[in-house]
Amino acid sequence: MVDFILDTIRLPAEAGTCRYLPGASPPALDYHVSGAGGSSVKHMGWMIDSYALALERYSGATVAAYAKDVMNFIQWADRLGLHGPEEVDRLLLRRYLAFLDTRGYATATASRKLSALKSYFSWLESTGNMAGNPARQLQSPSNTGKLVDALTQDQVLSLISGYAGRTPRPVMDARAAHPGCCDAEHAMAPQRMAVELARAKSLRDMAIIEVLYGCGLRVGELCAMDMEDVNMENAMLTVTGKGNKQRSVPMHSLCIESLDAWFSQGRRAVRARVDGRDRGVPSRDVQVAVFLGMRGGRIDPREVRRIVDRRSTTHVHPHQLRHSFATHLLDGGADLRVVQELLGHEKLATTQIYTHVSKERLLSTYSNAHPRAHADG
């Protein structure tokens, strides 16, 4: 997995490219960073290959993000004439953060890049390859205070209720399309299949919205769910989150109903179509994935984003449903620690941002509803 991830990482053109050289065996892998002038410098001294291998306990997305962030830093350091991590100090890292700021990186992105560097230098120190960790005392760039963009309950209900008023394209009657066909049943078969798949798609999309909002899942967590992770009898989901950490999340009755309809009617129709056409879809995904694409493979995050967007009159990102899940729980009086556990946050501070959202809603409601809030003087 790590080999594949590193092999596919490419830096932006203006920053050069970083390439994982195939054919070598860890930990003696070789990296080249090509600068704008076309020069190529070996970076075996940075030991980025061994660091990436040490991240294998994390998800593929985390490994890819951290490896790319560290390699971006290496390329930047190379332009300054540095040849290894032992030449990096705290002041240089502060200069790098300033560089990211001048390039217009968002605060969250700069914070993630710093987290990757902290992880990298911490690993170098723990493995005895550096005497200290120059990133240890660095603080993440301060957040501008922008609150998460949660949906209102009415907006969520609009998403759940349907396709924002859009009417599905009608299916042509096969008998009218083929008046000379002697086998009416055969002519009607494609139409029946189209109707079944349209219904299956609707049931799937409904279940996806219910699970994203009703359980507060990340999109990647939803796509990775297998059938064994769903306990309908106990109304619980087993969710594998960041760092491959598992948590149990309860399901409400409407969420269970939507999943049951998808499993018993929609998913079965998709599987029947795949079995009948044999498009080379990986058999394991067809058998075990909770949510399938219309071709039978495991659904991917891009398709989930399209599903959510299709059902809204305005642009809505799936992660907003997770924000809304947390915000609405706190609005209803849920304990912050409980919300932290449900979201799978490692640190309580990550969850606390939602308390600010709830306070904003509280003040807005008070200002709009209380008669004395509008009194002069």
Protein backbone atom coordinates (compact mmCIF):
# COMPACT_ATOMS: atom_id res chain seq x y z
CA MET A 1 0.00 0.00 0.00
CA VAL A 2 2.76 2.46 0.96
CA ASP A 3 4.71 1.65 -2.22
CA PHE A 4 1.63 2.34 -4.32
CA ILE A 5 0.87 5.61 -2.51
CA LEU A 6 4.41 6.94 -2.82
CA ASP A 7 4.57 5.87 -6.45
CA THR A 8 1.53 8.01 -7.25
CA ILE A 9 2.49 11.18 -5.34
CA ARG A 10 3.41 14.14 -7.54
CA LEU A 11 4.30 17.65 -6.42
CA PRO A 12 2.93 20.73 -8.25
CA ALA A 13 4.87 21.73 -11.35
CA GLU A 14 6.16 24.99 -9.92
CA ALA A 15 7.54 23.18 -6.90
CA GLY A 16 9.22 20.35 -8.79
CA THR A 17 8.30 16.69 -8.68
CA CYS A 18 9.10 13.98 -6.21
CA ARG A 19 9.31 10.45 -7.48
CA TYR A 20 9.42 7.12 -5.72
CA LEU A 21 11.86 4.98 -7.65
CA PRO A 22 10.45 1.49 -8.32
CA GLY A 23 12.51 -1.64 -8.21
CA ALA A 24 14.29 -0.93 -4.91
CA SER A 25 13.60 -2.64 -1.62
CA PRO A 26 13.00 -0.81 1.67
CA PRO A 27 14.60 0.80 3.49
CA ALA A 28 17.15 1.71 0.79
CA LEU A 29 14.64 3.35 -1.52
CA ASP A 30 15.79 6.38 -3.46
CA TYR A 31 13.98 9.68 -4.00
CA HIS A 32 14.74 12.44 -6.46
CA VAL A 33 13.48 15.99 -6.24
CA SER A 34 13.61 17.79 -9.53
CA GLY A 35 13.76 21.57 -9.24
CA ALA A 36 12.69 24.19 -11.74
CA GLY A 37 16.15 24.23 -13.26
CA GLY A 38 15.99 20.56 -14.05
CA SER A 39 18.58 19.52 -11.45
CA SER A 40 18.03 16.25 -9.67
CA VAL A 41 19.23 15.68 -6.10
CA LYS A 42 19.15 12.38 -4.23
CA HIS A 43 17.42 12.46 -0.86
CA MET A 44 18.28 9.15 0.74
CA GLY A 45 19.43 11.12 3.80
CA TRP A 46 15.91 12.29 4.53
CA MET A 47 14.72 8.67 4.98
CA ILE A 48 11.24 9.55 3.75
CA ASP A 49 10.74 5.96 2.56
CA SER A 50 11.32 4.47 6.02
CA TYR A 51 9.10 7.13 7.58
CA ALA A 52 6.25 6.27 5.20
CA LEU A 53 6.60 2.58 6.05
CA ALA A 54 6.31 3.48 9.73
CA LEU A 55 2.88 5.01 8.99
CA GLU A 56 1.35 1.76 7.76
CA ARG A 57 -0.90 1.53 10.81
CA TYR A 58 -2.72 4.61 9.54
CA SER A 59 -5.23 4.81 6.71
CA GLY A 60 -4.06 5.12 3.12
CA ALA A 61 -5.36 8.69 2.95
CA THR A 62 -3.33 9.71 6.02
CA VAL A 63 -0.16 8.08 4.69
CA ALA A 64 -0.59 9.80 1.32
CA ALA A 65 -1.24 13.23 2.89
CA TYR A 66 1.65 13.05 5.39
CA ALA A 67 4.15 11.67 2.87
CA LYS A 68 3.24 14.35 0.35
CA ASP A 69 3.44 17.12 2.95
CA VAL A 70 6.89 15.99 4.12
CA MET A 71 8.13 15.66 0.54
CA ASN A 72 6.88 19.17 -0.22
CA PHE A 73 8.97 20.43 2.68
CA ILE A 74 12.01 18.47 1.47
CA GLN A 75 11.73 20.06 -1.96
CA TRP A 76 11.49 23.53 -0.39
CA ALA A 77 14.52 22.80 1.82
CA ASP A 78 16.45 21.52 -1.17
CA ARG A 79 16.07 24.90 -2.89
CA LEU A 80 17.75 26.43 0.19
CA GLY A 81 20.68 24.02 -0.14
CA LEU A 82 19.79 21.62 2.70
CA HIS A 83 20.65 17.97 2.24
CA GLY A 84 19.20 16.22 5.29
CA PRO A 85 17.01 16.57 8.38
CA GLU A 86 19.99 17.23 10.66
CA GLU A 87 20.29 20.67 9.04
CA VAL A 88 16.73 21.66 10.00
CA ASP A 89 16.11 23.79 13.07
CA ARG A 90 13.10 25.48 14.64
CA LEU A 91 13.80 28.79 12.89
CA LEU A 92 13.81 27.12 9.47
CA LEU A 93 10.46 25.47 10.18
CA ARG A 94 9.02 28.86 11.17
CA ARG A 95 10.30 30.25 7.86
CA TYR A 96 8.52 27.39 6.08
CA LEU A 97 5.24 28.19 7.82
CA ALA A 98 5.66 31.83 6.79
CA PHE A 99 6.27 30.65 3.22
CA LEU A 100 3.02 28.66 3.28
CA ASP A 101 1.18 31.75 4.51
CA THR A 102 2.55 33.88 1.66
CA ARG A 103 1.40 31.23 -0.80
CA GLY A 104 -2.17 31.58 0.45
CA TYR A 105 -2.59 28.16 2.09
CA ALA A 106 -5.62 27.85 4.33
CA THR A 107 -4.96 27.70 8.07
CA ALA A 108 -6.25 24.12 8.26
CA THR A 109 -3.92 23.04 5.44
CA ALA A 110 -0.89 24.70 7.04
CA SER A 111 -1.78 23.04 10.35
CA ARG A 112 -1.96 19.65 8.68
CA LYS A 113 1.42 20.20 7.02
CA LEU A 114 2.92 21.11 10.39
CA SER A 115 1.36 17.99 11.94
CA ALA A 116 3.04 15.90 9.25
CA LEU A 117 6.41 17.51 9.96
CA LYS A 118 5.97 17.03 13.71
CA SER A 119 5.23 13.36 13.07
CA TYR A 120 8.23 13.05 10.76
CA PHE A 121 10.76 14.68 13.10
CA SER A 122 9.31 12.83 16.09
CA TRP A 123 9.90 9.57 14.21
CA LEU A 124 13.47 10.60 13.37
CA GLU A 125 14.13 11.35 17.04
CA SER A 126 12.53 8.13 18.31
CA THR A 127 14.56 6.02 15.88
CA GLY A 128 17.82 7.68 16.90
CA ASN A 129 18.34 9.47 13.59
CA MET A 130 18.16 12.93 15.18
CA ALA A 131 19.23 14.17 18.58
CA GLY A 132 16.15 16.34 18.99
CA ASN A 133 12.85 17.34 17.42
CA PRO A 134 12.94 20.90 16.01
CA ALA A 135 9.16 20.87 15.46
CA ARG A 136 8.19 19.94 19.02
CA GLN A 137 7.60 23.44 20.37
CA LEU A 138 6.03 24.86 17.21
CA GLN A 139 2.40 25.90 17.51
CA SER A 140 -0.08 25.36 14.72
CA PRO A 141 -1.15 28.48 12.80
CA SER A 142 -3.94 30.24 14.67
CA ASN A 143 -7.42 29.61 13.39
CA THR A 144 -9.23 32.62 12.02
CA GLY A 145 -12.27 31.67 14.07
CA LYS A 146 -14.41 30.60 11.13
CA LEU A 147 -17.15 28.33 12.37
CA VAL A 148 -18.15 25.10 10.73
CA ASP A 149 -20.95 25.40 8.23
CA ALA A 150 -23.77 23.34 9.71
CA LEU A 151 -27.14 22.95 8.01
CA THR A 152 -30.40 23.90 9.65
CA GLN A 153 -32.82 21.13 10.52
CA ASP A 154 -35.12 22.29 7.72
CA GLN A 155 -32.25 22.02 5.23
CA VAL A 156 -31.50 18.49 6.39
CA LEU A 157 -35.15 17.52 6.05
CA SER A 158 -35.12 18.92 2.52
CA LEU A 159 -32.16 16.70 1.67
CA ILE A 160 -33.86 13.65 3.11
CA SER A 161 -37.22 14.32 1.46
CA GLY A 162 -36.01 14.07 -2.11
CA TYR A 163 -34.30 15.61 -5.07
CA ALA A 164 -35.16 19.24 -4.36
CA GLY A 165 -38.19 19.15 -6.59
CA ARG A 166 -36.43 17.63 -9.59
CA THR A 167 -38.47 15.15 -11.57
CA PRO A 168 -36.76 11.95 -12.77
CA ARG A 169 -36.60 11.53 -16.55
CA PRO A 170 -39.47 9.26 -17.68
CA VAL A 171 -38.66 5.83 -19.07
CA MET A 172 -39.97 5.18 -22.57
CA ASP A 173 -42.44 2.34 -22.97
CA ALA A 174 -40.52 -0.43 -24.74
CA ARG A 175 -43.61 -1.65 -26.59
CA ALA A 176 -44.17 1.80 -28.09
CA ALA A 177 -40.50 2.04 -28.99
CA HIS A 178 -40.58 -1.38 -30.73
CA PRO A 179 -44.11 -1.80 -32.16
CA GLY A 180 -43.05 -4.65 -34.42
CA CYS A 181 -41.51 -6.74 -31.69
CA CYS A 182 -43.29 -10.07 -31.32
CA ASP A 183 -42.05 -10.73 -27.80
CA ALA A 184 -43.67 -8.05 -25.66
CA GLU A 185 -42.24 -9.46 -22.44
CA HIS A 186 -38.73 -9.40 -23.86
CA ALA A 187 -39.24 -5.84 -25.05
CA MET A 188 -40.42 -4.77 -21.60
CA ALA A 189 -37.44 -6.31 -19.77
CA PRO A 190 -35.07 -3.30 -20.19
CA GLN A 191 -37.79 -0.95 -18.97
CA ARG A 192 -38.44 -3.05 -15.87
CA MET A 193 -34.72 -3.18 -15.18
CA ALA A 194 -34.45 0.60 -15.56
CA VAL A 195 -37.34 1.12 -13.13
CA GLU A 196 -35.84 -1.30 -10.61
CA LEU A 197 -32.44 0.35 -10.80
CA ALA A 198 -33.95 3.82 -10.46
CA ARG A 199 -35.75 2.68 -7.33
CA ALA A 200 -32.59 0.99 -6.04
CA LYS A 201 -30.65 4.19 -6.56
CA SER A 202 -33.28 6.21 -4.72
CA LEU A 203 -33.25 3.77 -1.76
CA ARG A 204 -29.45 3.82 -1.66
CA ASP A 205 -29.25 7.61 -1.75
CA MET A 206 -31.85 7.93 0.99
CA ALA A 207 -29.92 5.49 3.20
CA ILE A 208 -26.66 7.34 2.57
CA ILE A 209 -28.16 10.67 3.67
CA GLU A 210 -29.73 9.09 6.75
CA VAL A 211 -26.46 7.42 7.79
CA LEU A 212 -24.29 10.49 7.16
CA TYR A 213 -26.58 12.72 9.20
CA GLY A 214 -27.99 10.17 11.66
CA CYS A 215 -24.58 8.73 12.62
CA GLY A 216 -22.21 11.62 11.89
CA LEU A 217 -19.86 9.62 9.68
CA ARG A 218 -17.02 10.90 7.55
CA VAL A 219 -17.49 10.14 3.86
CA GLY A 220 -14.52 7.77 3.84
CA GLU A 221 -15.95 5.89 6.81
CA LEU A 222 -19.29 5.46 5.06
CA CYS A 223 -17.68 4.18 1.84
CA ALA A 224 -15.51 1.69 3.76
CA MET A 225 -18.38 0.09 5.68
CA ASP A 226 -18.97 -3.63 5.20
CA MET A 227 -22.14 -5.58 5.89
CA GLU A 228 -20.63 -7.08 9.04
CA ASP A 229 -20.28 -3.56 10.46
CA VAL A 230 -24.05 -3.10 10.56
CA ASN A 231 -25.92 -4.65 13.50
CA MET A 232 -29.58 -4.10 12.70
CA GLU A 233 -30.78 -6.02 15.75
CA ASN A 234 -28.88 -3.86 18.23
CA ALA A 235 -29.17 -0.70 16.09
CA MET A 236 -25.41 -0.14 16.10
CA LEU A 237 -22.73 0.59 13.51
CA THR A 238 -19.08 -0.36 13.89
CA VAL A 239 -17.14 2.47 12.27
CA THR A 240 -13.45 2.38 11.38
CA GLY A 241 -12.13 5.93 11.59
CA LYS A 242 -8.79 7.68 11.40
CA GLY A 243 -5.82 5.60 12.48
CA ASN A 244 -7.97 2.48 11.94
CA LYS A 245 -9.62 3.15 15.30
CA GLN A 246 -13.04 1.59 15.69
CA ARG A 247 -16.02 3.08 17.47
CA SER A 248 -19.64 2.07 17.95
CA VAL A 249 -22.33 4.49 16.81
CA PRO A 250 -26.06 4.02 17.49
CA MET A 251 -28.67 4.25 14.72
CA HIS A 252 -32.10 5.79 15.11
CA SER A 253 -35.22 4.02 13.81
CA LEU A 254 -35.47 5.98 10.55
CA CYS A 255 -31.85 5.18 9.76
CA ILE A 256 -32.54 1.47 10.35
CA GLU A 257 -35.62 1.61 8.12
CA SER A 258 -33.74 3.23 5.27
CA LEU A 259 -30.90 0.69 5.50
CA ASP A 260 -33.36 -2.19 5.66
CA ALA A 261 -35.11 -0.95 2.49
CA TRP A 262 -31.78 -0.59 0.70
CA PHE A 263 -30.60 -4.05 1.78
CA SER A 264 -33.83 -5.92 1.00
CA GLN A 265 -34.77 -4.17 -2.23
CA GLY A 266 -32.18 -1.79 -3.67
CA ARG A 267 -28.93 -3.61 -3.00
CA ARG A 268 -30.42 -6.88 -4.17
CA ALA A 269 -31.42 -5.33 -7.50
CA VAL A 270 -27.92 -3.92 -8.06
CA ARG A 271 -26.34 -7.28 -7.26
CA ALA A 272 -28.71 -9.05 -9.65
CA ARG A 273 -27.73 -6.64 -12.42
CA VAL A 274 -24.02 -7.14 -11.77
CA ASP A 275 -24.34 -10.93 -11.58
CA GLY A 276 -26.21 -10.91 -14.87
CA ARG A 277 -23.77 -8.71 -16.76
CA ASP A 278 -20.45 -9.73 -15.13
CA ARG A 279 -18.56 -6.47 -15.63
CA GLY A 280 -15.48 -7.70 -13.81
CA VAL A 281 -16.40 -5.92 -10.59
CA PRO A 282 -14.34 -7.22 -7.62
CA SER A 283 -16.48 -9.99 -6.15
CA ARG A 284 -15.64 -9.09 -2.54
CA ASP A 285 -17.00 -5.55 -2.88
CA VAL A 286 -20.25 -6.83 -4.36
CA GLN A 287 -20.65 -9.25 -1.49
CA VAL A 288 -19.55 -7.22 1.52
CA ALA A 289 -19.75 -3.46 0.81
CA VAL A 290 -22.73 -1.75 2.42
CA PHE A 291 -23.13 0.83 -0.33
CA LEU A 292 -22.62 -0.09 -3.98
CA GLY A 293 -22.35 1.97 -7.12
CA MET A 294 -24.80 1.23 -9.89
CA ARG A 295 -22.16 -0.93 -11.59
CA GLY A 296 -21.74 -3.01 -8.49
CA GLY A 297 -18.43 -1.82 -7.07
CA ARG A 298 -18.01 -0.20 -3.67
CA ILE A 299 -19.27 3.38 -3.80
CA ASP A 300 -16.56 6.05 -3.73
CA PRO A 301 -16.45 9.51 -2.04
CA ARG A 302 -16.89 11.34 -5.34
CA GLU A 303 -20.20 9.62 -6.00
CA VAL A 304 -21.36 10.35 -2.44
CA ARG A 305 -20.63 14.03 -3.00
CA ARG A 306 -22.69 13.95 -6.20
CA ILE A 307 -25.58 12.25 -4.39
CA VAL A 308 -25.70 14.90 -1.67
CA ASP A 309 -25.36 17.73 -4.17
CA ARG A 310 -28.16 16.38 -6.38
CA ARG A 311 -30.58 16.40 -3.48
CA SER A 312 -30.00 20.04 -2.54
CA THR A 313 -31.06 23.35 -4.05
CA THR A 314 -27.68 24.81 -2.96
CA HIS A 315 -24.21 23.31 -2.91
CA VAL A 316 -23.87 21.02 0.10
CA HIS A 317 -20.79 18.96 0.96
CA PRO A 318 -21.32 15.60 2.71
CA HIS A 319 -19.09 16.69 5.59
CA GLN A 320 -21.64 19.37 6.41
CA LEU A 321 -23.99 16.57 7.46
CA ARG A 322 -21.38 15.46 10.00
CA HIS A 323 -21.10 19.06 11.23
CA SER A 324 -24.88 19.22 11.44
CA PHE A 325 -25.05 15.93 13.36
CA ALA A 326 -22.75 17.31 16.06
CA THR A 327 -24.29 20.77 16.16
CA HIS A 328 -27.86 19.51 16.44
CA LEU A 329 -26.90 17.07 19.21
CA LEU A 330 -25.38 19.90 21.22
CA ASP A 331 -28.38 22.11 20.45
CA GLY A 332 -30.51 19.36 21.98
CA GLY A 333 -28.42 19.26 25.16
CA ALA A 334 -26.07 16.34 24.46
CA ASP A 335 -22.93 16.09 26.56
CA LEU A 336 -19.76 17.24 24.78
CA ARG A 337 -17.88 14.06 25.74
CA VAL A 338 -20.62 11.93 24.24
CA VAL A 339 -20.46 13.88 20.98
CA GLN A 340 -16.67 13.47 20.98
CA GLU A 341 -17.05 9.71 21.27
CA LEU A 342 -19.68 9.54 18.52
CA LEU A 343 -17.55 11.60 16.14
CA GLY A 344 -14.40 9.63 16.89
CA HIS A 345 -12.38 12.71 17.82
CA GLU A 346 -9.14 11.95 19.65
CA LYS A 347 -9.04 15.36 21.33
CA LEU A 348 -11.93 17.12 23.03
CA ALA A 349 -10.70 20.44 21.63
CA THR A 350 -11.61 19.22 18.14
CA THR A 351 -15.19 18.71 19.24
CA GLN A 352 -15.42 22.00 21.13
CA ILE A 353 -15.69 24.02 17.91
CA TYR A 354 -19.28 22.79 17.70
CA THR A 355 -20.09 24.41 21.04
CA HIS A 356 -19.31 27.77 19.43
CA VAL A 357 -21.76 26.99 16.65
CA SER A 358 -24.45 26.16 19.20
CA LYS A 359 -23.81 29.39 21.09
CA GLU A 360 -24.09 31.36 17.86
CA ARG A 361 -27.44 29.69 17.14
CA LEU A 362 -28.58 30.34 20.70
CA LEU A 363 -27.77 34.05 20.46
CA SER A 364 -29.36 34.31 17.02
CA THR A 365 -32.55 32.64 18.21
CA TYR A 366 -32.68 34.86 21.29
CA SER A 367 -32.13 38.04 19.27
CA ASN A 368 -34.82 37.14 16.77
CA ALA A 369 -37.43 35.75 19.14
CA HIS A 370 -37.26 37.60 22.46
CA PRO A 371 -39.45 40.73 22.49
CA ARG A 372 -37.04 42.64 24.73
CA ALA A 373 -34.08 41.94 22.42
CA HIS A 374 -35.46 44.56 20.01
CA ALA A 375 -36.36 47.17 22.63
CA ASP A 376 -34.87 50.61 22.07
CA GLY A 377 -32.20 51.70 24.51
